Amino acid sequence: MQWNLKEKPDKATVQQLATALGIPEAVAILLVQRGITSFEEAKDFYRPSLEALHDPFLMQDMQAAVARIERAIAEEELIMVYGDYDVDGTCSVALMASYLLQRYPRVTTYIPDRYAEGYGVSLQGIDFAHDNGVGLIIALDCGVKAIDQVDYAAKKGIDFIICDHHLPGDALPNAVAVLDPKRSDCQYPYKELCGCGVGFKLIQALGQNRGEQLQDLLPYLDLVATAIAADIVPMTGENRVLAAYGLQVVNENPRPGIQALLGQRDKETYDISDLVFVVAPRINAAGRMKHGDYAVALLMADAVDSCLAFAQEIEAFNASRRATDEQITAEALAKILDEQEEDRSTTVVYEPHWHKGVIGIVASRLIEQYYRPTLVITKSGEVLAGSARSVSGFDVYEALAACKDHMIQFGGHKYAAGFTLEEAEYENFKAAFEKVVGQTLDDSLKIPQISVDLEISFADITPKFYRLIKQFAPFGPGNRTPVFATRNLTDSGWAKPVGSDGSHLKFKATDGQFAFDAIGFGLGKKIDLIKEKTPFDLVYSLDENHWNGRVSLQLRAKDLKKAES
């Protein structure tokens, strides 16, 4: 792993900010790195405020969307809330449907089947809406490219409102309203909302139109925070405000479904990592292993008892998902070795029996072993379906676009994408992808990178320092947990591999004066580097260890290596 230490910002700016705030210079450096250079900016950063949320009517088509929903209510139409089967989609559906149902009874929900219908707005879903007398579909976290589907719905007398955050194509669907801050003609100031965030702006606009207060919408923000955390959108601007207030709801008065998913954990305060690593995978597991309807039902349930039953089912789905992705990962790794493909620029593996719901997870696992752009492919009906994952800095979506002649369709983002192709095209596609990546993947991207914010000494890690760092939360892209480096450390002599397979490393690092407990996930094999008090350099973040009701500061080791002489 290559360590990239960030350049220190302008010293005068750092000292001025440190003096104005009365904070250590190291904390001021971290703030300036995040673009915060004044007292007022720091106050806004440390104290996110609802006042920072923009007027929802700044979003293109918002007025039309509100007017159409109000007309549907006035004319007693049946409204369908339609969303994708992942966390962002199911949270969006739960948010919009629960808001509308509090004010109007004729609302139903629809989540497409991951396997029978696939991603986005499906013709099957529109047929279902028509058969049941739906007059208006509100699509969330999908739909901005559903031109043919919206036209098909119009022929059946069904209107569409689209709430999406993906990049539109050259043309927009002919919907009543297309709410998407990434529209080229949309003047909305913040462009990085997730699908649930766009849905929240719609209920904010509906509320304003009805004379409701923004405070009335706070109970919905636990859903928005969960979607923000799971969809890995930038933790900046409105997202940071919505996530911060959403975490307050999670900690003070969460909806029964989220409370059931969190369970009885040994933790006083839940943070964004609990949403990322506990809540989100379980919501996702419903859509991967069974159906996203389970997740929506859980997130909309009012009674704790019914939530516990749903949560138990979803926990079983999650356990099945873990077992399945572990088995497929093992099979894929064996396949790479059998086919002697360790030295390629890419990983491309295919087995027709692999579970479509976990191939994206498997692709991420393979990157941990072979750090290169990865495709995992399975059979889906008459065609092949695949998931793509990438390494830091490489746009796998663009690489797939260069191979479009070999695919039926594809879509996604820079680091994650999905695609389908004819089985007869598999070998041609595999060769084309290898060629494109081989020609465009820079050598510097073939080594895992870790960005280090600041080199500090253990003497810098005081209670005040950690308290100030902790208040940088919520963390996410654009506001990552600060990463530090400290050099010439030694282990206390009690280092040991931990975990069922010894893959993790537990140790106590000391500089001779100060010492901190440390845990390094996935670093178990590096124990030889620190045994017998061999000096080492360490990259880490600051963390809390919760055990038996006690909370202690610990280092979350990212990487370690022999100390530079």
Protein backbone atom coordinates (compact mmCIF):
# COMPACT_ATOMS: atom_id res chain seq x y z
CA MET A 1 0.00 0.00 0.00
CA GLN A 2 1.35 3.42 -0.98
CA TRP A 3 1.07 6.18 1.62
CA ASN A 4 0.31 9.63 0.19
CA LEU A 5 0.84 12.38 2.75
CA LYS A 6 -1.17 15.52 1.98
CA GLU A 7 0.71 18.79 1.69
CA LYS A 8 0.32 21.07 4.67
CA PRO A 9 -1.81 24.14 3.88
CA ASP A 10 -0.65 27.75 4.17
CA LYS A 11 0.88 28.21 7.63
CA ALA A 12 -0.47 31.74 8.21
CA THR A 13 -4.04 30.62 7.44
CA VAL A 14 -3.68 27.66 9.80
CA GLN A 15 -2.32 29.76 12.66
CA GLN A 16 -4.99 32.42 12.19
CA LEU A 17 -7.75 29.79 12.33
CA ALA A 18 -6.18 28.03 15.34
CA THR A 19 -6.05 31.35 17.23
CA ALA A 20 -9.61 32.37 16.27
CA LEU A 21 -11.05 29.02 17.42
CA GLY A 22 -8.69 28.28 20.30
CA ILE A 23 -7.83 24.87 18.89
CA PRO A 24 -4.57 22.92 18.37
CA GLU A 25 -2.74 23.71 15.16
CA ALA A 26 -3.12 20.08 14.02
CA VAL A 27 -6.92 20.41 14.13
CA ALA A 28 -6.73 23.72 12.25
CA ILE A 29 -4.71 22.00 9.51
CA LEU A 30 -7.44 19.38 9.12
CA LEU A 31 -10.12 22.08 8.87
CA VAL A 32 -8.21 24.08 6.25
CA GLN A 33 -7.73 20.87 4.26
CA ARG A 34 -11.54 20.69 4.17
CA GLY A 35 -11.82 24.26 2.85
CA ILE A 36 -12.67 25.82 6.22
CA THR A 37 -10.61 28.97 6.78
CA SER A 38 -12.74 31.31 8.94
CA PHE A 39 -14.56 31.33 12.26
CA GLU A 40 -17.97 31.46 10.55
CA GLU A 41 -17.17 28.55 8.24
CA ALA A 42 -15.94 26.52 11.20
CA LYS A 43 -19.12 27.30 13.15
CA ASP A 44 -21.27 26.10 10.24
CA PHE A 45 -19.11 22.96 9.94
CA TYR A 46 -19.24 22.07 13.63
CA ARG A 47 -22.92 22.99 14.00
CA PRO A 48 -24.88 21.90 10.90
CA SER A 49 -28.17 23.83 10.74
CA LEU A 50 -31.51 23.21 9.06
CA GLU A 51 -31.32 26.85 7.98
CA ALA A 52 -28.63 25.78 5.51
CA LEU A 53 -31.18 23.71 3.53
CA HIS A 54 -32.13 25.27 0.21
CA ASP A 55 -35.63 26.19 -0.90
CA PRO A 56 -36.95 23.02 -2.61
CA PHE A 57 -38.73 25.12 -5.23
CA LEU A 58 -35.34 26.07 -6.65
CA MET A 59 -35.33 22.57 -8.18
CA GLN A 60 -36.52 22.43 -11.78
CA ASP A 61 -40.11 21.07 -12.11
CA MET A 62 -40.78 21.15 -8.36
CA GLN A 63 -43.86 23.38 -8.73
CA ALA A 64 -45.31 21.00 -11.32
CA ALA A 65 -44.62 17.98 -9.10
CA VAL A 66 -46.38 19.51 -6.10
CA ALA A 67 -49.35 20.64 -8.19
CA ARG A 68 -49.79 17.15 -9.71
CA ILE A 69 -49.69 15.41 -6.31
CA GLU A 70 -52.21 17.88 -4.88
CA ARG A 71 -54.48 17.26 -7.87
CA ALA A 72 -54.19 13.49 -7.36
CA ILE A 73 -55.23 13.94 -3.74
CA ALA A 74 -58.10 16.28 -4.62
CA GLU A 75 -59.40 13.87 -7.26
CA GLU A 76 -58.84 10.81 -5.03
CA GLU A 77 -56.50 9.06 -7.47
CA LEU A 78 -54.51 6.02 -6.42
CA ILE A 79 -50.83 7.04 -6.11
CA MET A 80 -48.06 4.46 -6.51
CA VAL A 81 -44.68 5.15 -4.91
CA TYR A 82 -42.10 3.23 -6.97
CA GLY A 83 -38.44 2.73 -6.05
CA ASP A 84 -35.35 0.67 -6.65
CA TYR A 85 -34.58 -2.40 -4.50
CA ASP A 86 -31.39 -1.08 -2.86
CA VAL A 87 -31.07 0.98 0.33
CA ASP A 88 -31.53 4.36 -1.33
CA GLY A 89 -34.58 3.13 -3.25
CA THR A 90 -36.33 1.36 -0.39
CA CYS A 91 -35.65 4.23 2.04
CA SER A 92 -37.02 6.64 -0.60
CA VAL A 93 -40.20 4.62 -0.99
CA ALA A 94 -40.69 4.33 2.77
CA LEU A 95 -40.16 8.09 3.19
CA MET A 96 -42.52 9.21 0.43
CA ALA A 97 -45.24 6.64 1.11
CA SER A 98 -45.28 7.18 4.87
CA TYR A 99 -45.42 10.98 4.40
CA LEU A 100 -48.32 10.76 1.95
CA LEU A 101 -50.21 8.14 3.98
CA GLN A 102 -50.21 10.48 6.98
CA ARG A 103 -52.23 12.91 4.84
CA TYR A 104 -54.03 10.77 2.26
CA PRO A 105 -55.06 7.07 2.34
CA ARG A 106 -54.93 6.05 -1.35
CA VAL A 107 -51.22 5.31 -1.61
CA THR A 108 -49.51 2.04 -2.53
CA THR A 109 -45.86 1.03 -2.96
CA TYR A 110 -43.97 -0.99 -5.55
CA ILE A 111 -40.43 -2.36 -5.56
CA PRO A 112 -39.37 -4.22 -8.75
CA ASP A 113 -38.09 -7.76 -8.41
CA ARG A 114 -34.31 -7.69 -8.78
CA TYR A 115 -34.28 -10.80 -10.94
CA ALA A 116 -37.58 -10.78 -12.85
CA GLU A 117 -37.64 -7.04 -13.62
CA GLY A 118 -34.15 -5.68 -13.04
CA TYR A 119 -33.09 -2.16 -12.15
CA GLY A 120 -35.26 0.90 -12.71
CA VAL A 121 -38.78 1.45 -13.98
CA SER A 122 -40.16 -1.76 -15.50
CA LEU A 123 -43.00 -2.33 -17.93
CA GLN A 124 -44.24 -5.04 -15.57
CA GLY A 125 -44.53 -2.46 -12.80
CA ILE A 126 -46.46 -0.11 -15.07
CA ASP A 127 -48.81 -2.93 -16.09
CA PHE A 128 -49.37 -3.69 -12.41
CA ALA A 129 -50.17 -0.02 -11.79
CA HIS A 130 -52.63 0.08 -14.70
CA ASP A 131 -54.35 -3.14 -13.62
CA ASN A 132 -54.90 -1.66 -10.16
CA GLY A 133 -56.19 1.72 -11.25
CA VAL A 134 -53.13 3.85 -10.44
CA GLY A 135 -53.28 7.36 -11.91
CA LEU A 136 -49.90 8.70 -10.76
CA ILE A 137 -46.53 7.01 -10.21
CA ILE A 138 -43.85 8.76 -8.15
CA ALA A 139 -40.55 7.07 -9.06
CA LEU A 140 -37.64 7.50 -6.68
CA ASP A 141 -33.93 6.75 -7.15
CA CYS A 142 -34.62 5.75 -10.76
CA GLY A 143 -36.43 6.90 -13.87
CA VAL A 144 -34.32 9.73 -15.30
CA LYS A 145 -33.52 7.55 -18.35
CA ALA A 146 -36.89 5.75 -18.48
CA ILE A 147 -38.05 7.49 -21.67
CA ASP A 148 -39.79 4.49 -23.24
CA GLN A 149 -41.36 3.38 -19.96
CA VAL A 150 -42.85 6.81 -19.24
CA ASP A 151 -44.28 6.94 -22.78
CA TYR A 152 -45.72 3.45 -22.29
CA ALA A 153 -47.36 4.57 -19.02
CA ALA A 154 -48.83 7.67 -20.69
CA LYS A 155 -50.59 5.47 -23.25
CA LYS A 156 -52.23 3.70 -20.31
CA GLY A 157 -53.31 6.97 -18.74
CA ILE A 158 -50.68 7.04 -15.98
CA ASP A 159 -48.63 10.14 -15.17
CA PHE A 160 -45.09 10.07 -13.81
CA ILE A 161 -43.16 12.21 -11.35
CA ILE A 162 -39.48 11.25 -11.26
CA CYS A 163 -37.17 11.90 -8.31
CA ASP A 164 -33.68 10.81 -9.34
CA HIS A 165 -30.06 11.75 -8.74
CA HIS A 166 -28.34 9.89 -11.56
CA LEU A 167 -26.89 11.70 -14.56
CA PRO A 168 -29.58 12.15 -17.24
CA GLY A 169 -29.10 11.09 -20.85
CA ASP A 170 -29.38 13.39 -23.86
CA ALA A 171 -33.16 13.59 -23.47
CA LEU A 172 -35.47 13.51 -20.46
CA PRO A 173 -38.59 11.34 -20.06
CA ASN A 174 -41.86 13.04 -20.94
CA ALA A 175 -43.00 13.05 -17.29
CA VAL A 176 -45.11 15.64 -15.47
CA ALA A 177 -41.94 16.48 -13.50
CA VAL A 178 -38.36 15.27 -13.54
CA LEU A 179 -36.71 16.26 -10.28
CA ASP A 180 -32.97 15.71 -10.63
CA PRO A 181 -30.38 18.30 -9.53
CA LYS A 182 -27.99 16.89 -12.15
CA ARG A 183 -30.26 18.12 -14.98
CA SER A 184 -28.28 20.61 -17.06
CA ASP A 185 -31.16 23.10 -16.82
CA CYS A 186 -31.66 22.71 -13.04
CA GLN A 187 -30.45 25.67 -10.99
CA TYR A 188 -30.70 23.88 -7.66
CA PRO A 189 -27.53 24.88 -5.72
CA TYR A 190 -26.57 21.43 -4.36
CA LYS A 191 -26.05 18.67 -6.92
CA GLU A 192 -25.01 15.69 -4.76
CA LEU A 193 -28.29 14.57 -3.16
CA CYS A 194 -29.06 10.85 -3.13
CA GLY A 195 -32.42 9.59 -4.40
CA CYS A 196 -33.94 9.73 -0.91
CA GLY A 197 -32.57 13.26 -0.57
CA VAL A 198 -34.45 14.32 -3.71
CA GLY A 199 -37.53 12.62 -2.29
CA PHE A 200 -37.10 14.61 0.91
CA LYS A 201 -36.96 17.85 -1.08
CA LEU A 202 -40.30 16.88 -2.62
CA ILE A 203 -41.98 16.31 0.75
CA GLN A 204 -40.35 19.54 1.98
CA ALA A 205 -41.99 21.35 -0.94
CA LEU A 206 -45.34 19.63 -0.29
CA GLY A 207 -45.07 20.63 3.36
CA GLN A 208 -44.28 24.25 2.51
CA ASN A 209 -47.24 24.31 0.14
CA ARG A 210 -49.47 23.07 2.95
CA GLY A 211 -48.11 25.46 5.57
CA GLU A 212 -46.24 22.79 7.49
CA GLN A 213 -43.02 23.52 9.37
CA LEU A 214 -39.65 21.99 8.49
CA GLN A 215 -39.48 20.63 12.04
CA ASP A 216 -42.51 18.44 11.19
CA LEU A 217 -40.33 16.55 8.71
CA LEU A 218 -37.50 15.69 11.13
CA PRO A 219 -38.86 12.17 11.89
CA TYR A 220 -38.20 11.20 8.25
CA LEU A 221 -34.51 12.08 8.39
CA ASP A 222 -33.41 8.73 9.84
CA LEU A 223 -34.35 7.29 6.43
CA VAL A 224 -32.50 10.05 4.58
CA ALA A 225 -29.37 9.57 6.71
CA THR A 226 -29.42 5.82 6.06
CA ALA A 227 -29.68 6.37 2.30
CA ILE A 228 -26.89 8.98 2.33
CA ALA A 229 -24.64 6.59 4.25
CA ALA A 230 -25.38 3.61 2.01
CA ASP A 231 -25.20 5.39 -1.34
CA ILE A 232 -21.74 6.86 -0.59
CA VAL A 233 -22.65 10.36 -1.81
CA PRO A 234 -20.46 13.30 -0.69
CA MET A 235 -20.86 14.17 3.00
CA THR A 236 -20.91 17.86 2.22
CA GLY A 237 -23.46 20.67 2.01
CA GLU A 238 -27.07 19.57 2.40
CA ASN A 239 -26.12 15.89 2.70
CA ARG A 240 -24.08 16.65 5.82
CA VAL A 241 -26.94 18.64 7.36
CA LEU A 242 -29.52 15.95 6.57
CA ALA A 243 -27.22 13.18 7.85
CA ALA A 244 -26.43 15.04 11.07
CA TYR A 245 -30.09 15.60 11.90
CA GLY A 246 -30.94 12.09 10.75
CA LEU A 247 -28.43 10.66 13.22
CA GLN A 248 -30.10 12.69 15.97
CA VAL A 249 -33.37 10.95 15.10
CA VAL A 250 -31.64 7.54 15.07
CA ASN A 251 -30.28 8.19 18.55
CA GLU A 252 -33.30 9.91 20.11
CA ASN A 253 -36.43 8.54 18.44
CA PRO A 254 -35.72 6.11 15.57
CA ARG A 255 -38.53 4.47 13.65
CA PRO A 256 -39.17 0.94 14.95
CA GLY A 257 -37.69 -0.69 11.84
CA ILE A 258 -34.29 0.97 12.17
CA GLN A 259 -34.34 0.36 15.91
CA ALA A 260 -34.97 -3.34 15.25
CA LEU A 261 -32.10 -3.55 12.75
CA LEU A 262 -29.68 -1.90 15.15
CA GLY A 263 -30.71 -4.34 17.88
CA GLN A 264 -29.25 -4.22 21.36
CA ARG A 265 -25.73 -3.01 20.60
CA ASP A 266 -23.21 -2.05 23.26
CA LYS A 267 -23.09 1.58 22.24
CA GLU A 268 -24.38 4.80 23.76
CA THR A 269 -24.45 6.78 20.51
CA TYR A 270 -24.95 5.48 16.99
CA ASP A 271 -22.93 7.08 14.20
CA ILE A 272 -22.76 6.92 10.43
CA SER A 273 -20.71 3.70 10.52
CA ASP A 274 -23.62 1.93 12.25
CA LEU A 275 -25.86 2.88 9.33
CA VAL A 276 -23.21 1.81 6.80
CA PHE A 277 -22.18 -1.49 8.37
CA VAL A 278 -25.24 -2.62 10.36
CA VAL A 279 -28.45 -1.15 8.94
CA ALA A 280 -27.64 -0.80 5.21
CA PRO A 281 -26.37 -4.37 4.55
CA ARG A 282 -29.50 -5.82 6.11
CA ILE A 283 -31.82 -3.62 4.06
CA ASN A 284 -29.85 -4.55 0.96
CA ALA A 285 -30.00 -8.24 1.85
CA ALA A 286 -33.79 -8.24 1.47
CA GLY A 287 -33.55 -7.19 -2.18
CA ARG A 288 -30.56 -9.42 -2.88
CA MET A 289 -31.86 -12.65 -1.36
CA LYS A 290 -35.65 -12.27 -1.37
CA HIS A 291 -37.49 -9.03 -2.25
CA GLY A 292 -37.13 -5.33 -1.44
CA ASP A 293 -40.75 -5.27 -0.25
CA TYR A 294 -39.55 -6.78 3.03
CA ALA A 295 -37.30 -3.77 3.64
CA VAL A 296 -40.06 -1.26 2.83
CA ALA A 297 -42.52 -3.06 5.12
CA LEU A 298 -39.95 -2.98 7.93
CA LEU A 299 -39.13 0.71 7.45
CA MET A 300 -42.82 1.71 7.35
CA ALA A 301 -44.00 -0.44 10.27
CA ASP A 302 -45.37 1.38 13.31
CA ALA A 303 -45.30 -1.45 15.86
CA VAL A 304 -42.07 -2.70 17.40
CA ASP A 305 -43.42 -6.27 17.59
CA SER A 306 -44.04 -6.55 13.85
CA CYS A 307 -40.66 -4.93 13.20
CA LEU A 308 -38.88 -7.59 15.22
CA ALA A 309 -40.45 -10.31 13.08
CA PHE A 310 -39.46 -8.52 9.86
CA ALA A 311 -35.98 -7.85 11.23
CA GLN A 312 -35.50 -11.52 12.08
CA GLU A 313 -36.42 -12.48 8.51
CA ILE A 314 -34.06 -9.85 7.11
CA GLU A 315 -31.30 -11.03 9.45
CA ALA A 316 -31.77 -14.51 8.02
CA PHE A 317 -31.52 -13.05 4.49
CA ASN A 318 -28.31 -11.29 5.52
CA ALA A 319 -26.81 -14.47 6.96
CA SER A 320 -27.68 -16.28 3.73
CA ARG A 321 -26.13 -13.43 1.73
CA ARG A 322 -22.88 -13.64 3.73
CA ALA A 323 -22.62 -17.41 3.27
CA THR A 324 -23.36 -17.12 -0.44
CA ASP A 325 -20.86 -14.36 -1.15
CA GLU A 326 -18.14 -16.19 0.84
CA GLN A 327 -18.73 -19.37 -1.18
CA ILE A 328 -18.74 -17.56 -4.53
CA THR A 329 -15.65 -15.54 -3.59
CA ALA A 330 -13.78 -18.78 -2.83
CA GLU A 331 -14.92 -20.29 -6.14
CA ALA A 332 -13.88 -17.15 -8.06
CA LEU A 333 -10.42 -17.05 -6.45
CA ALA A 334 -9.90 -20.71 -7.31
CA LYS A 335 -11.02 -20.02 -10.87
CA ILE A 336 -8.46 -17.22 -11.25
CA LEU A 337 -5.69 -19.57 -10.13
CA ASP A 338 -6.93 -22.48 -12.26
CA GLU A 339 -7.04 -20.32 -15.38
CA GLN A 340 -3.63 -18.77 -14.52
CA GLU A 341 -4.92 -15.22 -14.80
CA GLU A 342 -3.05 -13.66 -11.86
CA ASP A 343 -0.97 -11.40 -14.15
CA ARG A 344 -3.79 -9.73 -16.11
CA SER A 345 -4.76 -6.04 -15.90
CA THR A 346 -8.33 -7.09 -15.03
CA THR A 347 -10.26 -9.78 -13.24
CA VAL A 348 -13.16 -11.19 -15.27
CA VAL A 349 -14.83 -14.35 -13.97
CA TYR A 350 -18.04 -16.10 -14.99
CA GLU A 351 -20.08 -19.03 -13.70
CA PRO A 352 -23.72 -19.50 -14.69
CA HIS A 353 -24.83 -20.71 -11.25
CA TRP A 354 -23.55 -17.76 -9.20
CA HIS A 355 -26.21 -15.81 -7.30
CA LYS A 356 -26.92 -12.54 -9.10
CA GLY A 357 -27.68 -10.76 -5.83
CA VAL A 358 -24.14 -10.96 -4.47
CA ILE A 359 -21.87 -10.69 -7.52
CA GLY A 360 -21.20 -7.01 -6.81
CA ILE A 361 -20.04 -7.87 -3.29
CA VAL A 362 -17.88 -10.68 -4.68
CA ALA A 363 -16.27 -8.25 -7.14
CA SER A 364 -15.28 -6.00 -4.24
CA ARG A 365 -13.85 -9.00 -2.37
CA LEU A 366 -11.74 -10.00 -5.38
CA ILE A 367 -10.24 -6.51 -5.56
CA GLU A 368 -8.96 -7.01 -2.01
CA GLN A 369 -6.98 -9.99 -3.34
CA TYR A 370 -6.14 -8.81 -6.87
CA TYR A 371 -6.13 -5.02 -6.93
CA ARG A 372 -7.46 -4.31 -10.41
CA PRO A 373 -10.77 -3.50 -12.19
CA THR A 374 -13.04 -6.51 -11.71
CA LEU A 375 -16.10 -8.00 -13.39
CA VAL A 376 -18.12 -10.87 -11.92
CA ILE A 377 -20.68 -12.40 -14.27
CA THR A 378 -23.49 -14.92 -13.95
CA LYS A 379 -26.38 -16.26 -16.03
CA SER A 380 -29.68 -14.38 -15.78
CA GLY A 381 -32.40 -15.94 -17.88
CA GLU A 382 -31.19 -16.11 -21.47
CA VAL A 383 -28.41 -13.55 -21.05
CA LEU A 384 -25.39 -12.91 -18.85
CA ALA A 385 -25.52 -10.28 -16.11
CA GLY A 386 -22.45 -8.77 -14.51
CA SER A 387 -21.28 -6.36 -11.84
CA ALA A 388 -18.21 -4.17 -12.21
CA ARG A 389 -16.07 -2.72 -9.42
CA SER A 390 -13.00 -0.56 -9.79
CA VAL A 391 -9.84 0.54 -8.04
CA SER A 392 -9.33 4.06 -6.75
CA GLY A 393 -8.85 6.57 -9.55
CA PHE A 394 -10.02 4.38 -12.45
CA ASP A 395 -13.37 4.95 -14.19
CA VAL A 396 -14.79 1.48 -14.85
CA TYR A 397 -17.96 2.96 -16.36
CA GLU A 398 -15.87 4.59 -19.10
CA ALA A 399 -14.01 1.31 -19.65
CA LEU A 400 -17.32 -0.49 -20.12
CA ALA A 401 -18.50 2.24 -22.49
CA ALA A 402 -15.50 1.48 -24.68
CA CYS A 403 -16.76 -2.14 -24.88
CA LYS A 404 -20.41 -1.26 -25.55
CA ASP A 405 -20.51 -3.11 -28.88
CA HIS A 406 -20.23 -6.38 -26.96
CA MET A 407 -23.03 -5.63 -24.46
CA ILE A 408 -26.81 -5.42 -24.53
CA GLN A 409 -26.86 -2.61 -22.00
CA PHE A 410 -24.86 -1.13 -19.13
CA GLY A 411 -25.14 1.59 -16.52
CA GLY A 412 -23.68 2.80 -13.26
CA HIS A 413 -20.97 5.04 -11.87
CA LYS A 414 -17.21 5.53 -11.92
CA TYR A 415 -16.49 2.78 -9.40
CA ALA A 416 -19.52 0.48 -9.70
CA ALA A 417 -21.59 -0.56 -12.70
CA GLY A 418 -23.84 -3.29 -14.03
CA PHE A 419 -24.26 -4.75 -17.51
CA THR A 420 -25.82 -7.52 -19.57
CA LEU A 421 -24.53 -9.35 -22.67
CA GLU A 422 -25.22 -12.37 -24.84
CA GLU A 423 -23.39 -15.51 -23.74
CA ALA A 424 -21.85 -15.84 -27.20
CA GLU A 425 -20.15 -12.46 -26.67
CA TYR A 426 -18.48 -13.36 -23.37
CA GLU A 427 -14.97 -14.16 -24.66
CA ASN A 428 -14.96 -11.16 -27.04
CA PHE A 429 -16.16 -8.90 -24.25
CA LYS A 430 -13.58 -10.25 -21.80
CA ALA A 431 -10.78 -9.65 -24.31
CA ALA A 432 -12.02 -6.16 -25.15
CA PHE A 433 -12.26 -5.16 -21.48
CA GLU A 434 -8.74 -6.45 -20.78
CA LYS A 435 -7.41 -4.50 -23.77
CA VAL A 436 -9.13 -1.23 -22.81
CA VAL A 437 -8.02 -1.40 -19.18
CA GLY A 438 -4.51 -2.47 -20.13
CA GLN A 439 -4.20 0.62 -22.33
CA THR A 440 -5.77 3.12 -19.92
CA LEU A 441 -4.93 1.97 -16.37
CA ASP A 442 -1.99 4.05 -15.16
CA ASP A 443 0.75 2.13 -13.35
CA SER A 444 0.28 4.37 -10.29
CA LEU A 445 -3.29 3.05 -9.91
CA LYS A 446 -2.17 -0.59 -9.73
CA ILE A 447 -1.04 -0.18 -6.11
CA PRO A 448 -3.57 0.43 -3.32
CA GLN A 449 -3.32 4.04 -2.15
CA ILE A 450 -3.98 5.49 1.28
CA SER A 451 -4.31 9.22 1.76
CA VAL A 452 -2.77 10.49 5.01
CA ASP A 453 -4.05 13.84 6.27
CA LEU A 454 -1.30 14.59 8.76
CA GLU A 455 1.76 13.20 10.48
CA ILE A 456 1.48 13.62 14.25
CA SER A 457 3.09 12.36 17.45
CA PHE A 458 1.26 10.45 20.16
CA ALA A 459 1.68 13.53 22.39
CA ASP A 460 -0.76 15.34 20.07
CA ILE A 461 -3.55 12.86 20.88
CA THR A 462 -5.13 14.56 23.86
CA PRO A 463 -8.77 14.29 25.02
CA LYS A 464 -9.44 17.77 23.55
CA PHE A 465 -7.85 16.76 20.24
CA TYR A 466 -10.04 13.65 19.96
CA ARG A 467 -13.17 15.55 21.04
CA LEU A 468 -12.62 18.12 18.29
CA ILE A 469 -11.94 15.42 15.67
CA LYS A 470 -15.04 13.52 16.71
CA GLN A 471 -17.12 16.63 16.02
CA PHE A 472 -16.04 16.52 12.36
CA ALA A 473 -18.71 13.82 12.00
CA PRO A 474 -20.77 12.72 10.15
CA PHE A 475 -18.01 11.35 7.97
CA GLY A 476 -18.17 10.28 4.34
CA PRO A 477 -16.81 11.18 0.90
CA GLY A 478 -15.66 14.80 0.92
CA ASN A 479 -15.31 14.67 4.71
CA ARG A 480 -13.42 11.48 5.44
CA THR A 481 -12.39 10.40 8.91
CA PRO A 482 -8.96 12.02 9.44
CA VAL A 483 -6.08 9.61 8.83
CA PHE A 484 -2.79 10.10 10.67
CA ALA A 485 0.74 8.74 10.46
CA THR A 486 3.12 8.29 13.38
CA ARG A 487 6.64 6.95 12.95
CA ASN A 488 9.14 4.92 14.99
CA LEU A 489 6.70 3.09 17.21
CA THR A 490 7.09 -0.27 18.89
CA ASP A 491 4.67 -2.87 20.16
CA SER A 492 4.34 -3.52 23.88
CA GLY A 493 5.13 -7.18 23.19
CA TRP A 494 1.57 -8.48 23.35
CA ALA A 495 0.65 -8.25 19.66
CA LYS A 496 -1.48 -11.14 18.44
CA PRO A 497 -3.64 -12.12 15.47
CA VAL A 498 -7.35 -12.12 16.33
CA GLY A 499 -10.55 -13.19 14.62
CA SER A 500 -11.74 -16.67 13.74
CA ASP A 501 -9.08 -16.97 11.05
CA GLY A 502 -6.44 -14.74 12.62
CA SER A 503 -6.82 -12.17 9.85
CA HIS A 504 -6.87 -9.17 12.19
CA LEU A 505 -4.10 -7.73 14.37
CA LYS A 506 -4.44 -6.50 17.93
CA PHE A 507 -1.52 -4.68 19.55
CA LYS A 508 -0.47 -1.79 21.78
CA ALA A 509 1.67 0.85 20.07
CA THR A 510 4.02 3.05 22.04
CA ASP A 511 6.51 5.83 21.29
CA GLY A 512 8.26 5.25 24.60
CA GLN A 513 6.17 7.82 26.44
CA PHE A 514 2.60 7.37 25.34
CA ALA A 515 0.82 4.13 24.38
CA PHE A 516 -2.49 3.29 22.68
CA ASP A 517 -4.34 0.06 22.01
CA ALA A 518 -4.73 -0.61 18.30
CA ILE A 519 -6.74 -2.91 16.07
CA GLY A 520 -5.87 -3.53 12.43
CA PHE A 521 -8.57 -5.31 10.44
CA GLY A 522 -7.04 -7.46 7.73
CA LEU A 523 -3.52 -6.83 9.03
CA GLY A 524 -3.02 -10.16 10.83
CA LYS A 525 -0.28 -11.26 8.43
CA LYS A 526 1.81 -8.20 9.33
CA ILE A 527 2.50 -9.36 12.88
CA ASP A 528 6.08 -10.30 11.92
CA LEU A 529 6.79 -6.63 11.19
CA ILE A 530 6.24 -5.62 14.81
CA LYS A 531 7.31 -8.70 16.79
CA GLU A 532 10.31 -8.47 19.12
CA LYS A 533 9.76 -4.70 19.39
CA THR A 534 10.88 -4.00 15.85
CA PRO A 535 10.31 -0.24 15.14
CA PHE A 536 7.46 0.43 12.74
CA ASP A 537 5.55 3.31 11.13
CA LEU A 538 1.77 3.34 11.46
CA VAL A 539 -1.14 4.86 9.53
CA TYR A 540 -4.39 5.00 11.51
CA SER A 541 -7.55 6.83 12.45
CA LEU A 542 -8.84 7.48 15.96
CA ASP A 543 -11.61 5.25 17.18
CA GLU A 544 -13.52 4.22 20.30
CA ASN A 545 -13.63 0.71 21.66
CA HIS A 546 -16.90 -0.20 23.38
CA TRP A 547 -16.60 -3.20 25.68
CA ASN A 548 -18.70 -4.21 28.69
CA GLY A 549 -20.10 -0.71 29.02
CA ARG A 550 -16.65 0.88 29.00
CA VAL A 551 -15.44 3.24 26.29
CA SER A 552 -11.74 3.72 25.55
CA LEU A 553 -9.77 5.45 22.82
CA GLN A 554 -8.03 3.16 20.36
CA LEU A 555 -6.22 3.40 17.05
CA ARG A 556 -7.87 1.90 13.97
CA ALA A 557 -4.75 0.79 12.08
CA LYS A 558 -4.95 1.19 8.30
CA ASP A 559 -1.44 -0.02 7.47
CA LEU A 560 1.98 -0.47 9.04
CA LYS A 561 5.46 -1.02 7.74
CA LYS A 562 9.01 -1.29 8.98
CA ALA A 563 10.23 2.06 10.26
CA GLU A 564 12.26 4.08 7.83
CA SER A 565 15.80 4.49 9.14
